[in-house]
């Protein structure tokens, strides 16, 4: 089976995976769900395929990509792992944790993937669709979020289609679980907060530290000051919206939508980007979001919101 040309979307299943693997092996790109968000995948060893990711997203070439592999053993063929990295991998893989590690000589990863750096961002996903595509294609897959660069990340296949247009093949497996991109760690420094929280990391490593929000040199995805942004202006920590604002509530703060009426930050993380998509398509000129406690996964939610509100 191939992706239908009139609407290149297939529901998850063996036919979809085989069609997607054929696209990947022939240097193409495919949008595929992970447990975090939908990713736009290409063969990480194929420079032309990776270039198609950058072209489809309009992504700056200095912004590196995450390489997805099926297991730790495969990751160790591409990158150097010290004791800390091995401890984290064994604790959280497969799952939403990306490790920035020294790239092994001869790994074969296209330099576009690493933005010319001597490190690689790598993770083992647990979602069935991405795992199946990794196994069927037999390739490490570079896969940033499947949306136009800087825009709201996609947690459903219609988000991908709305952002990237009618030509990108998509495997549809419903809404993603976590709803936020993976946590990124280099050594004992958190470069991007995510579903694996600082407290969870500290249980394995002891002390961890938070890296700068907008470093002078981008060494991992998600470090640009303005990112994950809707088209409309966004105001944060709002308890009472203006007449022209679409309010996304949380807990006791009510609005046109809610991340979690019961104040559950995990539920809020899963709903964040979906709610931003709905708000951006709504009938109000501006957006507003209720306060989110800045602890646990709330730190990752607020990281995305601060970048989304930066213009």
Foldseek 3Di string as FASTA:
>chain_A
DEQDQQFREDADDPVLLLNQLVQQLVLAWAWEQFLAFIWIKHFQLDPSSVVVVCVLQVNDLLAAFEWEAAAPVLVVLFFDDDPLRVLCRVVAPPHQEWEKGFTDPPSSGDCSRQSVDRIHIYHYTDDPGVNSNCVSNVGTITIDFLAHWQAAGHQFPVRNCVGRHRGHRYHGHGGRNQLHHGFYDYPQETAAAGQCHNVNSCVRVPDHYYDDQADPRHRHPNSHLAGNAAPAAEAEQDQDDDPQEAEAEADPRDGPHYQYVPRDVSSSSSCPSVVVVDRSPDDGRHYYYHDRDCDNRSVNVVSSVSNRNDD
